């Protein structure tokens, strides 16, 4: 896979930024089953294989280092990937699969692939069965635990990690089977996790002690259909994307005060139609929001737009200030930051590509595009371990 230059003059800037960044990879989960046909997510007649691509994100020119077959799905928040802090293992979930009885439709899947990133080439070394509709997942700051949100059954699955061995443990019920747990994230101290529930509009608070996970019965209420969620590396705030009902209205993101006892929503701002992806930068100050902006609607819809947008907000105490915006593709999904918070990857399902942006001086500039083997549907980089 090669990078198609967009603004060649900025490649030198990217190289300088990379020289200051830590070694880093990003992992993209690619769905080969689904296409957007005039605003409708449709199973294609001749699906391409689902796959996982490992992207060298630290070099001057980001490149796809390897692609391997593995189940993936566009259904659920575009955070269906988690990577250990040492970049040795990746976990990739698959919320939906082709129906064996009718390959023109999909049904809930329960698989999580364990990928050895250090192997040459990288390889799937285990396939785990968790809950139905396995979607967003995260690895605990200790590296010894992971949680998976099971959208189709109202639960969160607990995984334990010991070296290259990942074991399926208990399931924690966080709502009714229809509550739609979508993503789960840990606080940096590892003592708490937040679970977005997009079908009943809640965010559940979990308590973590060792490998014991308990639903505290504390739920937050941020907006319509909380979906993607992330927590600052500083552990002070979390952000959640409320994707709304898809009726053309402006949707929102919310800021959560994680330090408050108990945690609570403290601010909500409008961002546009369908904030599909949301990711906080490693600097703990900036938030990237991937807004579909109607690009996933039928062309005759009054809410259709040719392109979505990626918007950068700065966290200023309990306020969210918009500082930059750039156009992106259609039916766009996840975002991933470089370790120095100066570069950003944004996935586009339509177009089968990942846009590369430089974020410097409060401005976004597109600097290239990575062609992908199938439609990129979820993305993540490694997150730091507990110090």
Protein backbone atom coordinates (compact mmCIF):
# COMPACT_ATOMS: atom_id res chain seq x y z
CA UNK A 1 0.00 0.00 0.00
CA UNK A 2 1.38 3.40 -0.88
CA UNK A 3 0.60 6.90 0.18
CA UNK A 4 -0.92 9.22 -2.40
CA UNK A 5 0.58 12.68 -1.75
CA UNK A 6 -1.95 15.42 -1.28
CA UNK A 7 0.19 18.45 -0.41
CA UNK A 8 3.79 17.48 -1.15
CA UNK A 9 5.22 20.64 0.35
CA UNK A 10 4.01 19.53 3.77
CA UNK A 11 5.76 16.16 3.70
CA UNK A 12 8.88 17.80 5.12
CA UNK A 13 6.81 19.12 8.02
CA UNK A 14 5.47 15.62 8.64
CA UNK A 15 9.02 14.23 8.64
CA UNK A 16 10.16 16.74 11.24
CA UNK A 17 7.18 15.92 13.43
CA UNK A 18 7.87 12.21 13.09
CA UNK A 19 11.45 12.65 14.17
CA UNK A 20 10.18 13.97 17.49
CA UNK A 21 7.51 11.27 17.93
CA UNK A 22 7.82 7.98 19.74
CA UNK A 23 7.84 4.73 17.79
CA UNK A 24 4.23 4.04 17.01
CA UNK A 25 1.84 1.95 14.99
CA UNK A 26 -1.87 2.28 14.31
CA UNK A 27 -4.12 -0.71 13.63
CA UNK A 28 -7.07 -0.36 11.26
CA UNK A 29 -9.94 -2.91 11.13
CA UNK A 30 -11.35 -3.06 7.59
CA UNK A 31 -14.85 -4.27 6.68
CA UNK A 32 -15.05 -5.89 3.24
CA UNK A 33 -18.73 -6.82 3.46
CA UNK A 34 -20.52 -3.48 3.50
CA UNK A 35 -20.98 -0.64 1.02
CA UNK A 36 -23.02 2.54 1.21
CA UNK A 37 -25.60 2.42 -1.60
CA UNK A 38 -27.48 5.73 -1.84
CA UNK A 39 -27.49 6.16 1.92
CA UNK A 40 -28.15 2.52 2.82
CA UNK A 41 -25.49 0.24 4.35
CA UNK A 42 -25.68 -2.77 2.03
CA UNK A 43 -23.99 -6.18 1.90
CA UNK A 44 -22.08 -6.39 -1.39
CA UNK A 45 -22.62 -9.30 -3.78
CA UNK A 46 -18.93 -10.24 -3.86
CA UNK A 47 -17.49 -9.24 -0.47
CA UNK A 48 -13.81 -8.61 -0.09
CA UNK A 49 -12.15 -10.27 2.89
CA UNK A 50 -12.37 -8.44 6.19
CA UNK A 51 -8.87 -7.51 7.25
CA UNK A 52 -6.64 -5.76 9.74
CA UNK A 53 -3.92 -3.37 8.57
CA UNK A 54 -0.88 -2.39 10.63
CA UNK A 55 0.20 1.18 9.85
CA UNK A 56 3.68 2.52 10.60
CA UNK A 57 2.63 5.82 12.15
CA UNK A 58 6.04 7.01 13.37
CA UNK A 59 7.93 7.27 10.09
CA UNK A 60 8.04 10.46 8.05
CA UNK A 61 5.49 9.02 5.63
CA UNK A 62 2.84 6.82 7.30
CA UNK A 63 2.58 3.53 5.43
CA UNK A 64 0.71 0.25 5.64
CA UNK A 65 3.28 -2.21 6.95
CA UNK A 66 1.13 -5.34 6.68
CA UNK A 67 -2.46 -6.50 6.15
CA UNK A 68 -3.82 -9.82 7.43
CA UNK A 69 -7.27 -11.46 7.19
CA UNK A 70 -9.40 -11.11 10.33
CA UNK A 71 -13.10 -10.50 11.07
CA UNK A 72 -14.11 -6.83 11.25
CA UNK A 73 -17.31 -4.81 11.17
CA UNK A 74 -18.42 -1.25 10.54
CA UNK A 75 -21.25 -1.72 13.05
CA UNK A 76 -20.55 -0.11 16.42
CA UNK A 77 -18.25 2.79 17.31
CA UNK A 78 -15.03 2.88 15.26
CA UNK A 79 -12.95 1.77 18.26
CA UNK A 80 -13.18 -1.97 17.62
CA UNK A 81 -9.39 -2.17 18.13
CA UNK A 82 -7.23 -2.11 21.26
CA UNK A 83 -3.42 -2.39 21.42
CA UNK A 84 -1.19 -3.24 24.39
CA UNK A 85 1.12 -0.44 25.51
CA UNK A 86 4.20 -2.30 24.26
CA UNK A 87 2.56 -2.75 20.84
CA UNK A 88 2.93 -6.52 21.04
CA UNK A 89 -0.75 -7.54 20.86
CA UNK A 90 -3.89 -6.17 19.26
CA UNK A 91 -7.47 -7.14 20.04
CA UNK A 92 -9.98 -6.64 17.21
CA UNK A 93 -13.71 -7.23 17.65
CA UNK A 94 -16.34 -8.08 15.04
CA UNK A 95 -19.87 -6.89 15.82
CA UNK A 96 -21.52 -8.37 12.72
CA UNK A 97 -20.85 -11.20 10.26
CA UNK A 98 -22.49 -12.55 7.14
CA UNK A 99 -25.51 -14.71 7.93
CA UNK A 100 -24.58 -18.32 7.02
CA UNK A 101 -28.21 -18.90 6.02
CA UNK A 102 -28.44 -15.75 3.87
CA UNK A 103 -25.16 -14.14 2.77
CA UNK A 104 -27.00 -10.99 1.63
CA UNK A 105 -27.56 -9.93 5.23
CA UNK A 106 -25.58 -9.75 8.46
CA UNK A 107 -26.18 -11.09 11.97
CA UNK A 108 -24.47 -10.33 15.31
CA UNK A 109 -20.98 -11.74 15.76
CA UNK A 110 -19.18 -12.53 19.02
CA UNK A 111 -15.54 -12.84 17.93
CA UNK A 112 -12.44 -11.03 19.14
CA UNK A 113 -9.19 -11.73 17.28
CA UNK A 114 -5.91 -11.73 19.20
CA UNK A 115 -3.13 -10.55 16.87
CA UNK A 116 0.60 -10.94 17.51
CA UNK A 117 2.00 -7.66 16.20
CA UNK A 118 5.62 -8.70 16.75
CA UNK A 119 5.37 -11.73 14.46
CA UNK A 120 6.72 -11.34 10.93
CA UNK A 121 4.24 -11.04 9.38
CA UNK A 122 1.73 -10.21 12.13
CA UNK A 123 -0.68 -13.08 12.73
CA UNK A 124 -3.96 -13.97 14.43
CA UNK A 125 -2.93 -16.30 17.26
CA UNK A 126 -6.35 -16.81 18.88
CA UNK A 127 -10.02 -16.17 18.21
CA UNK A 128 -12.11 -15.61 21.33
CA UNK A 129 -15.88 -15.80 21.71
CA UNK A 130 -17.30 -13.08 23.94
CA UNK A 131 -20.81 -11.59 23.75
CA UNK A 132 -23.10 -11.02 20.78
CA UNK A 133 -22.42 -7.83 18.90
CA UNK A 134 -18.88 -7.43 20.27
CA UNK A 135 -18.01 -3.79 19.56
CA UNK A 136 -15.83 -1.22 21.36
CA UNK A 137 -13.09 -2.57 23.60
CA UNK A 138 -10.18 -1.26 25.67
CA UNK A 139 -7.14 -2.61 27.50
CA UNK A 140 -6.61 -1.71 31.18
CA UNK A 141 -3.62 0.56 31.95
CA UNK A 142 -1.96 -2.39 33.75
CA UNK A 143 -2.08 -4.44 30.54
CA UNK A 144 -3.58 -7.39 32.43
CA UNK A 145 -7.27 -6.82 31.69
CA UNK A 146 -9.53 -5.85 28.80
CA UNK A 147 -13.25 -5.12 28.52
CA UNK A 148 -15.49 -5.60 25.48
CA UNK A 149 -18.91 -3.95 25.01
CA UNK A 150 -21.46 -6.46 23.65
CA UNK A 151 -24.04 -4.37 21.77
CA UNK A 152 -26.53 -7.15 21.08
CA UNK A 153 -26.96 -8.46 24.61
CA UNK A 154 -26.50 -5.61 27.12
CA UNK A 155 -23.25 -6.90 28.66
CA UNK A 156 -19.54 -6.21 28.99
CA UNK A 157 -17.10 -9.14 28.70
CA UNK A 158 -13.99 -9.33 30.88
CA UNK A 159 -10.74 -10.60 29.32
CA UNK A 160 -7.52 -11.30 31.21
CA UNK A 161 -4.13 -10.92 29.52
CA UNK A 162 -0.94 -12.76 30.48
CA UNK A 163 1.80 -12.33 27.92
CA UNK A 164 0.38 -13.52 24.61
CA UNK A 165 -2.46 -15.45 26.25
CA UNK A 166 -5.87 -13.78 26.45
CA UNK A 167 -8.62 -15.56 28.40
CA UNK A 168 -12.36 -14.89 28.39
CA UNK A 169 -13.79 -14.30 31.86
CA UNK A 170 -17.08 -13.10 33.29
CA UNK A 171 -19.81 -11.02 31.69
CA UNK A 172 -21.15 -7.95 33.46
CA UNK A 173 -24.75 -6.94 32.74
CA UNK A 174 -25.04 -3.16 32.46
CA UNK A 175 -28.60 -2.86 31.15
CA UNK A 176 -31.39 -4.63 29.35
CA UNK A 177 -30.41 -6.81 26.36
CA UNK A 178 -31.53 -3.91 24.14
CA UNK A 179 -29.50 -1.23 25.98
CA UNK A 180 -26.74 -1.32 23.34
CA UNK A 181 -23.39 -1.16 25.22
CA UNK A 182 -21.15 0.34 22.54
CA UNK A 183 -17.73 1.23 23.92
CA UNK A 184 -15.85 0.99 27.21
CA UNK A 185 -12.83 3.02 28.39
CA UNK A 186 -10.68 3.00 31.54
CA UNK A 187 -9.54 5.93 33.62
CA UNK A 188 -5.71 6.24 33.67
CA UNK A 189 -5.58 5.09 37.31
CA UNK A 190 -7.35 1.88 36.27
CA UNK A 191 -9.97 2.10 39.02
CA UNK A 192 -12.97 3.06 36.89
CA UNK A 193 -14.43 2.35 33.46
CA UNK A 194 -17.19 4.11 31.54
CA UNK A 195 -19.54 2.26 29.17
CA UNK A 196 -21.62 4.08 26.56
CA UNK A 197 -25.13 2.64 25.98
CA UNK A 198 -26.50 4.08 22.76
CA UNK A 199 -29.91 2.42 22.77
CA UNK A 200 -31.09 3.69 26.16
CA UNK A 201 -29.04 6.91 26.24
CA UNK A 202 -26.90 6.18 29.31
CA UNK A 203 -23.24 5.95 30.31
CA UNK A 204 -22.57 3.35 33.00
CA UNK A 205 -19.82 3.61 35.62
CA UNK A 206 -17.89 0.41 36.44
CA UNK A 207 -15.55 -0.10 39.41
CA UNK A 208 -12.31 -2.04 38.82
CA UNK A 209 -10.34 -3.88 41.50
CA UNK A 210 -7.69 -6.20 40.12
CA UNK A 211 -9.56 -8.33 37.61
CA UNK A 212 -12.90 -7.86 39.40
CA UNK A 213 -15.31 -5.59 37.53
CA UNK A 214 -18.49 -4.31 39.20
CA UNK A 215 -21.35 -2.25 37.81
CA UNK A 216 -21.79 0.58 40.34
CA UNK A 217 -25.39 1.31 39.24
CA UNK A 218 -24.30 4.90 38.62
CA UNK A 219 -25.41 6.03 35.14
CA UNK A 220 -24.73 9.36 33.45
CA UNK A 221 -27.02 11.06 30.94
CA UNK A 222 -25.20 13.05 28.26
CA UNK A 223 -27.39 13.14 25.13
CA UNK A 224 -29.20 11.08 22.53
CA UNK A 225 -27.38 7.81 21.81
CA UNK A 226 -23.97 8.15 23.50
CA UNK A 227 -21.65 6.10 21.32
CA UNK A 228 -17.92 6.71 21.09
CA UNK A 229 -16.27 7.69 24.38
CA UNK A 230 -12.72 8.51 25.45
CA UNK A 231 -10.86 9.67 28.57
CA UNK A 232 -8.03 12.19 28.81
CA UNK A 233 -4.54 10.86 29.55
CA UNK A 234 -4.58 13.29 32.48
CA UNK A 235 -7.60 11.50 33.93
CA UNK A 236 -9.54 14.69 34.50
CA UNK A 237 -12.26 14.55 31.83
CA UNK A 238 -13.92 12.21 29.38
CA UNK A 239 -15.68 13.05 26.12
CA UNK A 240 -18.62 11.22 24.55
CA UNK A 241 -20.12 11.49 21.07
CA UNK A 242 -23.93 11.53 21.09
CA UNK A 243 -24.84 10.38 17.56
CA UNK A 244 -28.55 11.20 17.80
CA UNK A 245 -31.40 9.69 15.83
CA UNK A 246 -30.19 10.43 12.29
CA UNK A 247 -33.02 12.80 11.50
CA UNK A 248 -30.87 15.64 10.18
CA UNK A 249 -30.67 17.48 13.49
CA UNK A 250 -27.39 18.81 14.87
CA UNK A 251 -25.91 16.23 17.24
CA UNK A 252 -23.61 16.77 20.19
CA UNK A 253 -20.53 15.82 22.17
CA UNK A 254 -20.42 16.01 25.96
CA UNK A 255 -17.67 16.60 28.52
CA UNK A 256 -17.64 14.47 31.69
CA UNK A 257 -15.86 15.52 34.88
CA UNK A 258 -14.21 12.24 35.82
CA UNK A 259 -12.65 13.64 39.00
CA UNK A 260 -16.00 14.65 40.47
CA UNK A 261 -17.48 12.37 43.11
CA UNK A 262 -19.52 10.91 41.57
CA UNK A 263 -18.51 11.60 37.91
CA UNK A 264 -20.96 13.82 36.04
CA UNK A 265 -21.64 15.49 32.68
CA UNK A 266 -20.60 19.15 32.85
CA UNK A 267 -20.89 20.46 29.28
CA UNK A 268 -22.50 19.62 25.93
CA UNK A 269 -21.90 21.31 22.54
CA UNK A 270 -23.40 20.88 19.06
CA UNK A 271 -21.07 19.51 16.38
CA UNK A 272 -23.26 18.62 13.38
CA UNK A 273 -24.89 15.47 12.04
CA UNK A 274 -23.66 12.14 13.44
CA UNK A 275 -20.36 12.41 15.30
CA UNK A 276 -19.28 8.87 14.49
CA UNK A 277 -15.73 8.92 15.85
CA UNK A 278 -14.20 10.73 18.81
CA UNK A 279 -10.65 10.57 20.14
CA UNK A 280 -8.68 12.61 22.67
CA UNK A 281 -5.10 13.49 21.77
CA UNK A 282 -2.26 12.16 23.94
CA UNK A 283 -1.63 15.75 25.12
CA UNK A 284 -4.92 15.49 27.07
CA UNK A 285 -6.02 18.87 25.69
CA UNK A 286 -7.43 18.26 22.23
CA UNK A 287 -10.35 16.17 20.93
CA UNK A 288 -10.88 15.03 17.33
CA UNK A 289 -14.50 14.52 16.30
CA UNK A 290 -15.37 12.76 13.02
CA UNK A 291 -18.71 14.19 11.83
CA UNK A 292 -20.58 12.48 8.99
CA UNK A 293 -22.46 15.71 8.22
CA UNK A 294 -25.09 13.88 6.16
CA UNK A 295 -22.53 12.23 3.85
CA UNK A 296 -24.15 8.89 4.74
CA UNK A 297 -27.62 10.06 3.64
CA UNK A 298 -29.37 9.37 0.29
CA UNK A 299 -28.51 12.00 -2.32
CA UNK A 300 -32.13 13.17 -2.49
CA UNK A 301 -32.22 13.79 1.26
CA UNK A 302 -32.40 17.46 2.30
CA UNK A 303 -29.70 16.60 4.84
CA UNK A 304 -27.20 15.11 2.35
CA UNK A 305 -23.72 16.57 2.02
CA UNK A 306 -20.88 15.49 -0.27
CA UNK A 307 -18.32 15.35 2.53
CA UNK A 308 -18.06 15.04 6.26
CA UNK A 309 -15.70 16.99 8.50
CA UNK A 310 -13.17 16.43 11.25
CA UNK A 311 -13.32 19.02 14.01
CA UNK A 312 -10.72 19.66 16.70
CA UNK A 313 -11.84 20.96 20.10
CA UNK A 314 -9.61 22.16 22.92
CA UNK A 315 -10.54 21.30 26.49
CA UNK A 316 -10.40 24.46 28.59
CA UNK A 317 -11.41 23.46 32.09
CA UNK A 318 -15.02 22.38 31.70
CA UNK A 319 -15.41 24.09 28.33
CA UNK A 320 -14.93 22.76 24.79
CA UNK A 321 -13.58 25.33 22.30
CA UNK A 322 -13.61 24.62 18.55
CA UNK A 323 -10.14 25.39 17.18
CA UNK A 324 -9.88 23.71 13.75
CA UNK A 325 -11.92 21.94 11.08
CA UNK A 326 -11.19 20.19 7.77
CA UNK A 327 -13.26 18.34 5.13
CA UNK A 328 -13.05 14.56 5.00
CA UNK A 329 -14.67 11.81 2.90
CA UNK A 330 -18.02 10.04 3.15
CA UNK A 331 -19.36 7.66 5.81
CA UNK A 332 -16.21 8.44 7.80
CA UNK A 333 -15.40 6.42 10.89
CA UNK A 334 -12.53 6.53 13.38
CA UNK A 335 -9.62 8.82 14.17
CA UNK A 336 -6.19 8.14 15.67
CA UNK A 337 -3.55 10.60 16.90
CA UNK A 338 0.21 10.31 16.73
CA UNK A 339 2.05 10.11 20.05
CA UNK A 340 3.10 13.77 19.80
CA UNK A 341 -0.50 14.94 19.11
CA UNK A 342 0.61 16.55 15.84
CA UNK A 343 -0.76 14.12 13.28
CA UNK A 344 -4.17 12.59 12.82
CA UNK A 345 -5.54 9.67 10.81
CA UNK A 346 -9.22 9.70 9.72
CA UNK A 347 -10.97 6.69 8.14
CA UNK A 348 -13.35 6.92 5.17
CA UNK A 349 -15.56 3.90 4.40
CA UNK A 350 -16.54 5.38 1.02
CA UNK A 351 -13.29 5.65 -0.87
CA UNK A 352 -11.51 2.91 1.10
CA UNK A 353 -8.89 5.27 2.44
CA UNK A 354 -7.41 6.99 5.47
CA UNK A 355 -6.67 10.70 5.34
CA UNK A 356 -3.53 11.97 7.05
CA UNK A 357 -3.58 15.42 8.68
CA UNK A 358 -0.96 17.60 10.32
CA UNK A 359 -2.17 19.56 13.35
CA UNK A 360 0.18 22.48 13.97
CA UNK A 361 -0.41 25.90 15.48
CA UNK A 362 -4.08 25.17 15.98
CA UNK A 363 -4.58 24.40 12.26
CA UNK A 364 -5.38 21.19 10.36
CA UNK A 365 -3.74 20.47 7.00
CA UNK A 366 -4.33 17.35 4.93
CA UNK A 367 -0.95 15.95 3.90
CA UNK A 368 -1.78 12.62 2.29
CA UNK A 369 -4.03 9.60 1.90
CA UNK A 370 -3.47 5.93 2.60
CA UNK A 371 -5.25 3.52 0.25
CA UNK A 372 -6.76 0.59 2.16
CA UNK A 373 -7.57 -3.00 1.03
CA UNK A 374 -11.17 -2.73 2.25
CA UNK A 375 -13.34 -0.11 3.93
CA UNK A 376 -11.64 1.12 7.15
CA UNK A 377 -14.12 0.82 10.01
CA UNK A 378 -12.16 1.01 13.30
CA UNK A 379 -8.78 2.31 14.37
CA UNK A 380 -6.60 2.68 17.47
CA UNK A 381 -3.05 3.27 18.65
CA UNK A 382 -1.48 1.96 21.86
CA UNK A 383 -2.26 3.85 25.05
CA UNK A 384 0.17 4.28 27.97
CA UNK A 385 0.44 1.85 30.86
CA UNK A 386 0.10 2.83 34.50
CA UNK A 387 3.30 4.48 35.68
